[in-house]
Amino acid sequence: MKLIIQLLLTAIVVLVLAELLPGVGVDAFTTSIIVAAVLALLNVLVKPILVFLTLPATLITFGLFLLVINAVIILLVDYLIPGFTVDGFWWALLFSLLLTISQSVLYSLTEK
């Protein structure tokens, strides 16, 4: 049940951020649910591989390179999902940063 709530919260945040950021677009709420599910799947499967492969860059930048990895994951979701669009790397970086902050706040509220 917790996973479903987190996916729905992420889908809502994706929809809100798509409305607020001019470089990000989502066609419908169902698309944002698919984006949330694919994003969760990629974070579980692809992100650890990318983190391992870029470990030297991550260590040199004191972890800031993880922001780049998050943006690359967002661009990969853009490529995979037809109704989700991101206009470039910088929009993906901003979107991933705001999504991460929003998820942290909302997930902490649902744990209580």
PDB file of N, CA and C in Angstrom:
ATOM      1  N   MET A   1       0.831  -1.195   0.000  1.00  0.00           N
ATOM      2  CA  MET A   1       0.000   0.000   0.000  1.00  0.00           C
ATOM      3  C   MET A   1       0.874   1.257   0.000  1.00  0.00           C
ATOM      4  N   LYS A   2       1.993   1.192   0.739  1.00  0.00           N
ATOM      5  CA  LYS A   2       2.886   2.345   0.820  1.00  0.00           C
ATOM      6  C   LYS A   2       3.475   2.677  -0.551  1.00  0.00           C
ATOM      7  N   LEU A   3       3.801   1.633  -1.325  1.00  0.00           N
ATOM      8  CA  LEU A   3       4.354   1.839  -2.663  1.00  0.00           C
ATOM      9  C   LEU A   3       3.349   2.531  -3.585  1.00  0.00           C
ATOM     10  N   ILE A   4       2.097   2.149  -3.497  1.00  0.00           N
ATOM     11  CA  ILE A   4       1.056   2.758  -4.336  1.00  0.00           C
ATOM     12  C   ILE A   4       0.873   4.231  -3.967  1.00  0.00           C
ATOM     13  N   ILE A   5       0.881   4.518  -2.677  1.00  0.00           N
ATOM     14  CA  ILE A   5       0.753   5.911  -2.233  1.00  0.00           C
ATOM     15  C   ILE A   5       1.940   6.736  -2.713  1.00  0.00           C
ATOM     16  N   GLN A   6       3.148   6.179  -2.618  1.00  0.00           N
ATOM     17  CA  GLN A   6       4.336   6.903  -3.078  1.00  0.00           C
ATOM     18  C   GLN A   6       4.298   7.126  -4.583  1.00  0.00           C
ATOM     19  N   LEU A   7       3.832   6.135  -5.349  1.00  0.00           N
ATOM     20  CA  LEU A   7       3.722   6.311  -6.800  1.00  0.00           C
ATOM     21  C   LEU A   7       2.700   7.393  -7.152  1.00  0.00           C
ATOM     22  N   LEU A   8       1.576   7.396  -6.450  1.00  0.00           N
ATOM     23  CA  LEU A   8       0.566   8.430  -6.712  1.00  0.00           C
ATOM     24  C   LEU A   8       1.059   9.818  -6.318  1.00  0.00           C
ATOM     25  N   LEU A   9       1.765   9.917  -5.197  1.00  0.00           N
ATOM     26  CA  LEU A   9       2.331  11.203  -4.790  1.00  0.00           C
ATOM     27  C   LEU A   9       3.370  11.686  -5.798  1.00  0.00           C
ATOM     28  N   THR A  10       4.203  10.775  -6.269  1.00  0.00           N
ATOM     29  CA  THR A  10       5.198  11.140  -7.283  1.00  0.00           C
ATOM     30  C   THR A  10       4.515  11.569  -8.570  1.00  0.00           C
ATOM     31  N   ALA A  11       3.443  10.882  -8.949  1.00  0.00           N
ATOM     32  CA  ALA A  11       2.713  11.253 -10.163  1.00  0.00           C
ATOM     33  C   ALA A  11       2.107  12.654 -10.031  1.00  0.00           C
ATOM     34  N   ILE A  12       1.601  12.973  -8.861  1.00  0.00           N
ATOM     35  CA  ILE A  12       1.037  14.306  -8.639  1.00  0.00           C
ATOM     36  C   ILE A  12       2.133  15.365  -8.710  1.00  0.00           C
ATOM     37  N   VAL A  13       3.283  15.076  -8.106  1.00  0.00           N
ATOM     38  CA  VAL A  13       4.402  16.018  -8.143  1.00  0.00           C
ATOM     39  C   VAL A  13       4.892  16.209  -9.581  1.00  0.00           C
ATOM     40  N   VAL A  14       4.964  15.125 -10.340  1.00  0.00           N
ATOM     41  CA  VAL A  14       5.370  15.222 -11.750  1.00  0.00           C
ATOM     42  C   VAL A  14       4.405  16.121 -12.506  1.00  0.00           C
ATOM     43  N   LEU A  15       3.111  15.942 -12.273  1.00  0.00           N
ATOM     44  CA  LEU A  15       2.103  16.759 -12.950  1.00  0.00           C
ATOM     45  C   LEU A  15       2.219  18.232 -12.557  1.00  0.00           C
ATOM     46  N   VAL A  16       2.416  18.504 -11.280  1.00  0.00           N
ATOM     47  CA  VAL A  16       2.540  19.894 -10.800  1.00  0.00           C
ATOM     48  C   VAL A  16       3.806  20.538 -11.362  1.00  0.00           C
ATOM     49  N   LEU A  17       4.922  19.801 -11.324  1.00  0.00           N
ATOM     50  CA  LEU A  17       6.175  20.365 -11.845  1.00  0.00           C
ATOM     51  C   LEU A  17       6.097  20.606 -13.351  1.00  0.00           C
ATOM     52  N   ALA A  18       5.364  19.762 -14.056  1.00  0.00           N
ATOM     53  CA  ALA A  18       5.197  19.966 -15.494  1.00  0.00           C
ATOM     54  C   ALA A  18       4.394  21.233 -15.775  1.00  0.00           C
ATOM     55  N   GLU A  19       3.494  21.568 -14.874  1.00  0.00           N
ATOM     56  CA  GLU A  19       2.735  22.811 -15.034  1.00  0.00           C
ATOM     57  C   GLU A  19       3.580  24.030 -14.683  1.00  0.00           C
ATOM     58  N   LEU A  20       4.451  23.884 -13.696  1.00  0.00           N
ATOM     59  CA  LEU A  20       5.255  25.020 -13.242  1.00  0.00           C
ATOM     60  C   LEU A  20       6.466  25.291 -14.127  1.00  0.00           C
ATOM     61  N   LEU A  21       7.103  24.256 -14.637  1.00  0.00           N
ATOM     62  CA  LEU A  21       8.318  24.419 -15.432  1.00  0.00           C
ATOM     63  C   LEU A  21       7.975  24.435 -16.917  1.00  0.00           C
ATOM     64  N   PRO A  22       8.336  25.481 -17.626  1.00  0.00           N
ATOM     65  CA  PRO A  22       7.996  25.555 -19.051  1.00  0.00           C
ATOM     66  C   PRO A  22       8.753  24.554 -19.925  1.00  0.00           C
ATOM     67  N   GLY A  23       9.846  24.001 -19.449  1.00  0.00           N
ATOM     68  CA  GLY A  23      10.624  23.061 -20.239  1.00  0.00           C
ATOM     69  C   GLY A  23      10.230  21.610 -20.055  1.00  0.00           C
ATOM     70  N   VAL A  24       9.193  21.366 -19.245  1.00  0.00           N
ATOM     71  CA  VAL A  24       8.744  20.002 -18.962  1.00  0.00           C
ATOM     72  C   VAL A  24       7.262  19.914 -19.276  1.00  0.00           C
ATOM     73  N   GLY A  25       6.864  18.816 -19.922  1.00  0.00           N
ATOM     74  CA  GLY A  25       5.458  18.654 -20.264  1.00  0.00           C
ATOM     75  C   GLY A  25       4.977  17.233 -20.025  1.00  0.00           C
ATOM     76  N   VAL A  26       3.723  17.132 -19.582  1.00  0.00           N
ATOM     77  CA  VAL A  26       3.056  15.842 -19.387  1.00  0.00           C
ATOM     78  C   VAL A  26       1.675  15.958 -20.008  1.00  0.00           C
ATOM     79  N   ASP A  27       1.295  14.940 -20.788  1.00  0.00           N
ATOM     80  CA  ASP A  27       0.002  14.980 -21.481  1.00  0.00           C
ATOM     81  C   ASP A  27      -1.186  14.832 -20.541  1.00  0.00           C
ATOM     82  N   ALA A  28      -1.143  13.850 -19.654  1.00  0.00           N
ATOM     83  CA  ALA A  28      -2.296  13.564 -18.799  1.00  0.00           C
ATOM     84  C   ALA A  28      -1.814  12.971 -17.475  1.00  0.00           C
ATOM     85  N   PHE A  29      -2.755  12.811 -16.560  1.00  0.00           N
ATOM     86  CA  PHE A  29      -2.417  12.241 -15.261  1.00  0.00           C
ATOM     87  C   PHE A  29      -1.973  10.792 -15.392  1.00  0.00           C
ATOM     88  N   THR A  30      -2.594  10.050 -16.315  1.00  0.00           N
ATOM     89  CA  THR A  30      -2.169   8.658 -16.513  1.00  0.00           C
ATOM     90  C   THR A  30      -0.721   8.592 -17.003  1.00  0.00           C
ATOM     91  N   THR A  31      -0.329   9.565 -17.820  1.00  0.00           N
ATOM     92  CA  THR A  31       1.064   9.625 -18.264  1.00  0.00           C
ATOM     93  C   THR A  31       1.984   9.890 -17.088  1.00  0.00           C
ATOM     94  N   SER A  32       1.566  10.749 -16.167  1.00  0.00           N
ATOM     95  CA  SER A  32       2.407  11.038 -15.002  1.00  0.00           C
ATOM     96  C   SER A  32       2.517   9.820 -14.089  1.00  0.00           C
ATOM     97  N   ILE A  33       1.487   8.986 -14.026  1.00  0.00           N
ATOM     98  CA  ILE A  33       1.577   7.742 -13.259  1.00  0.00           C
ATOM     99  C   ILE A  33       2.584   6.798 -13.906  1.00  0.00           C
ATOM    100  N   ILE A  34       2.545   6.717 -15.229  1.00  0.00           N
ATOM    101  CA  ILE A  34       3.506   5.876 -15.951  1.00  0.00           C
ATOM    102  C   ILE A  34       4.916   6.421 -15.757  1.00  0.00           C
ATOM    103  N   VAL A  35       5.070   7.748 -15.809  1.00  0.00           N
ATOM    104  CA  VAL A  35       6.380   8.360 -15.592  1.00  0.00           C
ATOM    105  C   VAL A  35       6.893   8.022 -14.194  1.00  0.00           C
ATOM    106  N   ALA A  36       6.024   8.102 -13.193  1.00  0.00           N
ATOM    107  CA  ALA A  36       6.436   7.785 -11.821  1.00  0.00           C
ATOM    108  C   ALA A  36       6.870   6.326 -11.700  1.00  0.00           C
ATOM    109  N   ALA A  37       6.133   5.420 -12.351  1.00  0.00           N
ATOM    110  CA  ALA A  37       6.475   3.996 -12.278  1.00  0.00           C
ATOM    111  C   ALA A  37       7.790   3.701 -13.000  1.00  0.00           C
ATOM    112  N   VAL A  38       7.965   4.263 -14.194  1.00  0.00           N
ATOM    113  CA  VAL A  38       9.193   4.033 -14.954  1.00  0.00           C
ATOM    114  C   VAL A  38      10.382   4.673 -14.247  1.00  0.00           C
ATOM    115  N   LEU A  39      10.166   5.834 -13.669  1.00  0.00           N
ATOM    116  CA  LEU A  39      11.231   6.500 -12.918  1.00  0.00           C
ATOM    117  C   LEU A  39      11.665   5.658 -11.719  1.00  0.00           C
ATOM    118  N   ALA A  40      10.706   5.092 -11.011  1.00  0.00           N
ATOM    119  CA  ALA A  40      11.038   4.218  -9.883  1.00  0.00           C
ATOM    120  C   ALA A  40      11.789   2.977 -10.355  1.00  0.00           C
ATOM    121  N   LEU A  41      11.357   2.416 -11.463  1.00  0.00           N
ATOM    122  CA  LEU A  41      12.017   1.227 -12.009  1.00  0.00           C
ATOM    123  C   LEU A  41      13.451   1.529 -12.444  1.00  0.00           C
ATOM    124  N   LEU A  42      13.643   2.647 -13.115  1.00  0.00           N
ATOM    125  CA  LEU A  42      14.988   3.031 -13.546  1.00  0.00           C
ATOM    126  C   LEU A  42      15.890   3.368 -12.364  1.00  0.00           C
ATOM    127  N   ASN A  43      15.315   3.959 -11.325  1.00  0.00           N
ATOM    128  CA  ASN A  43      16.113   4.266 -10.131  1.00  0.00           C
ATOM    129  C   ASN A  43      16.570   2.995  -9.418  1.00  0.00           C
ATOM    130  N   VAL A  44      15.797   1.927  -9.551  1.00  0.00           N
ATOM    131  CA  VAL A  44      16.174   0.666  -8.921  1.00  0.00           C
ATOM    132  C   VAL A  44      17.154  -0.117  -9.792  1.00  0.00           C
ATOM    133  N   LEU A  45      16.942  -0.109 -11.113  1.00  0.00           N
ATOM    134  CA  LEU A  45      17.737  -0.961 -12.001  1.00  0.00           C
ATOM    135  C   LEU A  45      18.950  -0.277 -12.626  1.00  0.00           C
ATOM    136  N   VAL A  46      18.775   0.943 -13.119  1.00  0.00           N
ATOM    137  CA  VAL A  46      19.822   1.603 -13.909  1.00  0.00           C
ATOM    138  C   VAL A  46      20.716   2.506 -13.058  1.00  0.00           C
ATOM    139  N   LYS A  47      20.129   3.190 -12.106  1.00  0.00           N
ATOM    140  CA  LYS A  47      20.901   4.156 -11.324  1.00  0.00           C
ATOM    141  C   LYS A  47      22.081   3.536 -10.583  1.00  0.00           C
ATOM    142  N   PRO A  48      21.935   2.369  -9.946  1.00  0.00           N
ATOM    143  CA  PRO A  48      23.119   1.791  -9.277  1.00  0.00           C
ATOM    144  C   PRO A  48      24.264   1.482 -10.246  1.00  0.00           C
ATOM    145  N   ILE A  49      23.924   1.073 -11.449  1.00  0.00           N
ATOM    146  CA  ILE A  49      24.960   0.797 -12.451  1.00  0.00           C
ATOM    147  C   ILE A  49      25.668   2.091 -12.839  1.00  0.00           C
ATOM    148  N   LEU A  50      24.884   3.152 -13.074  1.00  0.00           N
ATOM    149  CA  LEU A  50      25.483   4.438 -13.426  1.00  0.00           C
ATOM    150  C   LEU A  50      26.334   4.997 -12.291  1.00  0.00           C
ATOM    151  N   VAL A  51      25.865   4.829 -11.070  1.00  0.00           N
ATOM    152  CA  VAL A  51      26.639   5.305  -9.914  1.00  0.00           C
ATOM    153  C   VAL A  51      27.956   4.551  -9.814  1.00  0.00           C
ATOM    154  N   PHE A  52      27.918   3.246 -10.031  1.00  0.00           N
ATOM    155  CA  PHE A  52      29.150   2.455  -9.968  1.00  0.00           C
ATOM    156  C   PHE A  52      30.121   2.854 -11.078  1.00  0.00           C
ATOM    157  N   LEU A  53      29.604   3.044 -12.284  1.00  0.00           N
ATOM    158  CA  LEU A  53      30.472   3.387 -13.413  1.00  0.00           C
ATOM    159  C   LEU A  53      31.077   4.785 -13.295  1.00  0.00           C
ATOM    160  N   THR A  54      30.386   5.674 -12.630  1.00  0.00           N
ATOM    161  CA  THR A  54      30.870   7.048 -12.504  1.00  0.00           C
ATOM    162  C   THR A  54      31.382   7.348 -11.098  1.00  0.00           C
ATOM    163  N   LEU A  55      31.760   6.332 -10.367  1.00  0.00           N
ATOM    164  CA  LEU A  55      32.224   6.509  -8.993  1.00  0.00           C
ATOM    165  C   LEU A  55      33.403   7.470  -8.869  1.00  0.00           C
ATOM    166  N   PRO A  56      34.400   7.415  -9.749  1.00  0.00           N
ATOM    167  CA  PRO A  56      35.496   8.386  -9.618  1.00  0.00           C
ATOM    168  C   PRO A  56      35.019   9.843  -9.771  1.00  0.00           C
ATOM    169  N   ALA A  57      34.156  10.096 -10.734  1.00  0.00           N
ATOM    170  CA  ALA A  57      33.641  11.457 -10.906  1.00  0.00           C
ATOM    171  C   ALA A  57      32.797  11.876  -9.713  1.00  0.00           C
ATOM    172  N   THR A  58      32.040  10.947  -9.160  1.00  0.00           N
ATOM    173  CA  THR A  58      31.216  11.251  -7.989  1.00  0.00           C
ATOM    174  C   THR A  58      32.091  11.571  -6.778  1.00  0.00           C
ATOM    175  N   LEU A  59      33.161  10.828  -6.599  1.00  0.00           N
ATOM    176  CA  LEU A  59      34.061  11.094  -5.471  1.00  0.00           C
ATOM    177  C   LEU A  59      34.798  12.418  -5.632  1.00  0.00           C
ATOM    178  N   ILE A  60      35.240  12.711  -6.843  1.00  0.00           N
ATOM    179  CA  ILE A  60      35.967  13.965  -7.084  1.00  0.00           C
ATOM    180  C   ILE A  60      35.071  15.178  -6.856  1.00  0.00           C
ATOM    181  N   THR A  61      33.794  15.064  -7.235  1.00  0.00           N
ATOM    182  CA  THR A  61      32.862  16.192  -7.087  1.00  0.00           C
ATOM    183  C   THR A  61      32.107  16.153  -5.756  1.00  0.00           C
ATOM    184  N   PHE A  62      32.562  15.280  -4.839  1.00  0.00           N
ATOM    185  CA  PHE A  62      31.939  15.152  -3.519  1.00  0.00           C
ATOM    186  C   PHE A  62      30.444  14.840  -3.607  1.00  0.00           C
ATOM    187  N   GLY A  63      30.053  14.012  -4.572  1.00  0.00           N
ATOM    188  CA  GLY A  63      28.677  13.567  -4.696  1.00  0.00           C
ATOM    189  C   GLY A  63      27.802  14.409  -5.600  1.00  0.00           C
ATOM    190  N   LEU A  64      28.289  15.552  -6.048  1.00  0.00           N
ATOM    191  CA  LEU A  64      27.460  16.415  -6.900  1.00  0.00           C
ATOM    192  C   LEU A  64      27.186  15.800  -8.263  1.00  0.00           C
ATOM    193  N   PHE A  65      28.016  14.857  -8.681  1.00  0.00           N
ATOM    194  CA  PHE A  65      27.778  14.207  -9.968  1.00  0.00           C
ATOM    195  C   PHE A  65      26.512  13.357  -9.939  1.00  0.00           C
ATOM    196  N   LEU A  66      26.026  13.033  -8.756  1.00  0.00           N
ATOM    197  CA  LEU A  66      24.761  12.306  -8.650  1.00  0.00           C
ATOM    198  C   LEU A  66      23.604  13.115  -9.218  1.00  0.00           C
ATOM    199  N   LEU A  67      23.702  14.440  -9.161  1.00  0.00           N
ATOM    200  CA  LEU A  67      22.679  15.285  -9.791  1.00  0.00           C
ATOM    201  C   LEU A  67      22.657  15.079 -11.299  1.00  0.00           C
ATOM    202  N   VAL A  68      23.821  14.919 -11.887  1.00  0.00           N
ATOM    203  CA  VAL A  68      23.915  14.657 -13.320  1.00  0.00           C
ATOM    204  C   VAL A  68      23.293  13.300 -13.645  1.00  0.00           C
ATOM    205  N   ILE A  69      23.550  12.312 -12.806  1.00  0.00           N
ATOM    206  CA  ILE A  69      22.971  10.989 -13.020  1.00  0.00           C
ATOM    207  C   ILE A  69      21.449  11.060 -12.939  1.00  0.00           C
ATOM    208  N   ASN A  70      20.924  11.809 -11.985  1.00  0.00           N
ATOM    209  CA  ASN A  70      19.471  11.978 -11.891  1.00  0.00           C
ATOM    210  C   ASN A  70      18.905  12.637 -13.138  1.00  0.00           C
ATOM    211  N   ALA A  71      19.601  13.632 -13.663  1.00  0.00           N
ATOM    212  CA  ALA A  71      19.136  14.299 -14.879  1.00  0.00           C
ATOM    213  C   ALA A  71      19.165  13.343 -16.072  1.00  0.00           C
ATOM    214  N   VAL A  72      20.175  12.506 -16.136  1.00  0.00           N
ATOM    215  CA  VAL A  72      20.252  11.519 -17.221  1.00  0.00           C
ATOM    216  C   VAL A  72      19.096  10.521 -17.118  1.00  0.00           C
ATOM    217  N   ILE A  73      18.740  10.137 -15.904  1.00  0.00           N
ATOM    218  CA  ILE A  73      17.597   9.228 -15.719  1.00  0.00           C
ATOM    219  C   ILE A  73      16.307   9.901 -16.185  1.00  0.00           C
ATOM    220  N   ILE A  74      16.140  11.178 -15.876  1.00  0.00           N
ATOM    221  CA  ILE A  74      14.956  11.916 -16.326  1.00  0.00           C
ATOM    222  C   ILE A  74      14.928  11.983 -17.852  1.00  0.00           C
ATOM    223  N   LEU A  75      16.061  12.226 -18.477  1.00  0.00           N
ATOM    224  CA  LEU A  75      16.118  12.259 -19.943  1.00  0.00           C
ATOM    225  C   LEU A  75      15.825  10.884 -20.532  1.00  0.00           C
ATOM    226  N   LEU A  76      16.218   9.838 -19.852  1.00  0.00           N
ATOM    227  CA  LEU A  76      15.900   8.487 -20.301  1.00  0.00           C
ATOM    228  C   LEU A  76      14.394   8.222 -20.216  1.00  0.00           C
ATOM    229  N   VAL A  77      13.755   8.697 -19.166  1.00  0.00           N
ATOM    230  CA  VAL A  77      12.297   8.584 -19.049  1.00  0.00           C
ATOM    231  C   VAL A  77      11.629   9.379 -20.167  1.00  0.00           C
ATOM    232  N   ASP A  78      12.167  10.552 -20.476  1.00  0.00           N
ATOM    233  CA  ASP A  78      11.655  11.361 -21.593  1.00  0.00           C
ATOM    234  C   ASP A  78      11.722  10.579 -22.902  1.00  0.00           C
ATOM    235  N   TYR A  79      12.794   9.861 -23.093  1.00  0.00           N
ATOM    236  CA  TYR A  79      12.965   9.054 -24.309  1.00  0.00           C
ATOM    237  C   TYR A  79      11.999   7.868 -24.352  1.00  0.00           C
ATOM    238  N   LEU A  80      11.717   7.270 -23.201  1.00  0.00           N
ATOM    239  CA  LEU A  80      10.900   6.058 -23.144  1.00  0.00           C
ATOM    240  C   LEU A  80       9.398   6.317 -23.159  1.00  0.00           C
ATOM    241  N   ILE A  81       8.950   7.419 -22.577  1.00  0.00           N
ATOM    242  CA  ILE A  81       7.520   7.697 -22.432  1.00  0.00           C
ATOM    243  C   ILE A  81       7.095   8.758 -23.443  1.00  0.00           C
ATOM    244  N   PRO A  82       6.179   8.429 -24.362  1.00  0.00           N
ATOM    245  CA  PRO A  82       5.794   9.374 -25.416  1.00  0.00           C
ATOM    246  C   PRO A  82       5.111  10.659 -24.925  1.00  0.00           C
ATOM    247  N   GLY A  83       4.320  10.613 -23.873  1.00  0.00           N
ATOM    248  CA  GLY A  83       3.590  11.798 -23.431  1.00  0.00           C
ATOM    249  C   GLY A  83       4.349  12.698 -22.476  1.00  0.00           C
ATOM    250  N   PHE A  84       5.592  12.375 -22.191  1.00  0.00           N
ATOM    251  CA  PHE A  84       6.412  13.130 -21.253  1.00  0.00           C
ATOM    252  C   PHE A  84       7.560  13.767 -22.021  1.00  0.00           C
ATOM    253  N   THR A  85       7.707  15.081 -21.910  1.00  0.00           N
ATOM    254  CA  THR A  85       8.766  15.771 -22.656  1.00  0.00           C
ATOM    255  C   THR A  85       9.589  16.655 -21.723  1.00  0.00           C
ATOM    256  N   VAL A  86      10.888  16.634 -21.961  1.00  0.00           N
ATOM    257  CA  VAL A  86      11.823  17.514 -21.266  1.00  0.00           C
ATOM    258  C   VAL A  86      12.681  18.153 -22.342  1.00  0.00           C
ATOM    259  N   ASP A  87      12.801  19.483 -22.304  1.00  0.00           N
ATOM    260  CA  ASP A  87      13.448  20.222 -23.390  1.00  0.00           C
ATOM    261  C   ASP A  87      14.966  20.166 -23.403  1.00  0.00           C
ATOM    262  N   GLY A  88      15.586  19.683 -22.384  1.00  0.00           N
ATOM    263  CA  GLY A  88      17.042  19.614 -22.396  1.00  0.00           C
ATOM    264  C   GLY A  88      17.595  19.201 -21.057  1.00  0.00           C
ATOM    265  N   PHE A  89      18.925  19.144 -21.017  1.00  0.00           N
ATOM    266  CA  PHE A  89      19.608  18.682 -19.814  1.00  0.00           C
ATOM    267  C   PHE A  89      19.328  19.573 -18.612  1.00  0.00           C
ATOM    268  N   TRP A  90      19.359  20.889 -18.807  1.00  0.00           N
ATOM    269  CA  TRP A  90      19.194  21.800 -17.664  1.00  0.00           C
ATOM    270  C   TRP A  90      17.786  21.739 -17.094  1.00  0.00           C
ATOM    271  N   TRP A  91      16.783  21.551 -17.964  1.00  0.00           N
ATOM    272  CA  TRP A  91      15.417  21.363 -17.478  1.00  0.00           C
ATOM    273  C   TRP A  91      15.303  20.037 -16.734  1.00  0.00           C
ATOM    274  N   ALA A  92      15.980  19.005 -17.234  1.00  0.00           N
ATOM    275  CA  ALA A  92      15.972  17.710 -16.555  1.00  0.00           C
ATOM    276  C   ALA A  92      16.646  17.816 -15.188  1.00  0.00           C
ATOM    277  N   LEU A  93      17.733  18.571 -15.106  1.00  0.00           N
ATOM    278  CA  LEU A  93      18.432  18.757 -13.844  1.00  0.00           C
ATOM    279  C   LEU A  93      17.552  19.489 -12.832  1.00  0.00           C
ATOM    280  N   LEU A  94      16.910  20.562 -13.268  1.00  0.00           N
ATOM    281  CA  LEU A  94      16.019  21.312 -12.379  1.00  0.00           C
ATOM    282  C   LEU A  94      14.820  20.466 -11.969  1.00  0.00           C
ATOM    283  N   PHE A  95      14.249  19.755 -12.931  1.00  0.00           N
ATOM    284  CA  PHE A  95      13.105  18.888 -12.647  1.00  0.00           C
ATOM    285  C   PHE A  95      13.477  17.815 -11.632  1.00  0.00           C
ATOM    286  N   SER A  96      14.626  17.176 -11.816  1.00  0.00           N
ATOM    287  CA  SER A  96      15.025  16.108 -10.892  1.00  0.00           C
ATOM    288  C   SER A  96      15.316  16.655  -9.498  1.00  0.00           C
ATOM    289  N   LEU A  97      15.899  17.833  -9.433  1.00  0.00           N
ATOM    290  CA  LEU A  97      16.182  18.447  -8.141  1.00  0.00           C
ATOM    291  C   LEU A  97      14.886  18.777  -7.391  1.00  0.00           C
ATOM    292  N   LEU A  98      13.940  19.405  -8.085  1.00  0.00           N
ATOM    293  CA  LEU A  98      12.656  19.750  -7.465  1.00  0.00           C
ATOM    294  C   LEU A  98      11.837  18.509  -7.134  1.00  0.00           C
ATOM    295  N   LEU A  99      11.916  17.494  -7.978  1.00  0.00           N
ATOM    296  CA  LEU A  99      11.205  16.246  -7.719  1.00  0.00           C
ATOM    297  C   LEU A  99      11.754  15.558  -6.475  1.00  0.00           C
ATOM    298  N   THR A 100      13.056  15.542  -6.342  1.00  0.00           N
ATOM    299  CA  THR A 100      13.680  14.913  -5.179  1.00  0.00           C
ATOM    300  C   THR A 100      13.304  15.629  -3.889  1.00  0.00           C
ATOM    301  N   ILE A 101      13.338  16.949  -3.919  1.00  0.00           N
ATOM    302  CA  ILE A 101      12.967  17.722  -2.722  1.00  0.00           C
ATOM    303  C   ILE A 101      11.498  17.494  -2.370  1.00  0.00           C
ATOM    304  N   SER A 102      10.633  17.538  -3.373  1.00  0.00           N
ATOM    305  CA  SER A 102       9.200  17.328  -3.142  1.00  0.00           C
ATOM    306  C   SER A 102       8.913  15.938  -2.609  1.00  0.00           C
ATOM    307  N   GLN A 103       9.572  14.937  -3.184  1.00  0.00           N
ATOM    308  CA  GLN A 103       9.372  13.573  -2.711  1.00  0.00           C
ATOM    309  C   GLN A 103       9.833  13.419  -1.263  1.00  0.00           C
ATOM    310  N   SER A 104      10.934  14.024  -0.913  1.00  0.00           N
ATOM    311  CA  SER A 104      11.428  13.932   0.461  1.00  0.00           C
ATOM    312  C   SER A 104      10.425  14.510   1.449  1.00  0.00           C
ATOM    313  N   VAL A 105       9.875  15.655   1.108  1.00  0.00           N
ATOM    314  CA  VAL A 105       8.903  16.296   1.996  1.00  0.00           C
ATOM    315  C   VAL A 105       7.632  15.459   2.095  1.00  0.00           C
ATOM    316  N   LEU A 106       7.095  15.030   0.959  1.00  0.00           N
ATOM    317  CA  LEU A 106       5.836  14.289   0.970  1.00  0.00           C
ATOM    318  C   LEU A 106       5.986  12.907   1.593  1.00  0.00           C
ATOM    319  N   TYR A 107       7.075  12.223   1.330  1.00  0.00           N
ATOM    320  CA  TYR A 107       7.269  10.902   1.922  1.00  0.00           C
ATOM    321  C   TYR A 107       7.442  10.999   3.433  1.00  0.00           C
ATOM    322  N   SER A 108       8.081  12.061   3.899  1.00  0.00           N
ATOM    323  CA  SER A 108       8.233  12.219   5.349  1.00  0.00           C
ATOM    324  C   SER A 108       6.891  12.505   6.020  1.00  0.00           C
ATOM    325  N   LEU A 109       5.995  13.163   5.306  1.00  0.00           N
ATOM    326  CA  LEU A 109       4.660  13.430   5.857  1.00  0.00           C
ATOM    327  C   LEU A 109       3.795  12.164   5.911  1.00  0.00           C
ATOM    328  N   THR A 110       3.999  11.259   4.957  1.00  0.00           N
ATOM    329  CA  THR A 110       3.181  10.050   4.927  1.00  0.00           C
ATOM    330  C   THR A 110       3.666   8.973   5.895  1.00  0.00           C
ATOM    331  N   GLU A 111       4.891   9.079   6.392  1.00  0.00           N
ATOM    332  CA  GLU A 111       5.414   8.072   7.316  1.00  0.00           C
ATOM    333  C   GLU A 111       4.844   8.200   8.715  1.00  0.00           C
ATOM    334  N   LYS A 112       4.296   9.324   9.047  1.00  0.00           N
ATOM    335  CA  LYS A 112       3.798   9.545  10.411  1.00  0.00           C
ATOM    336  C   LYS A 112       2.418   8.992  10.599  1.00  0.00           C
TER     337      LYS A 112
END
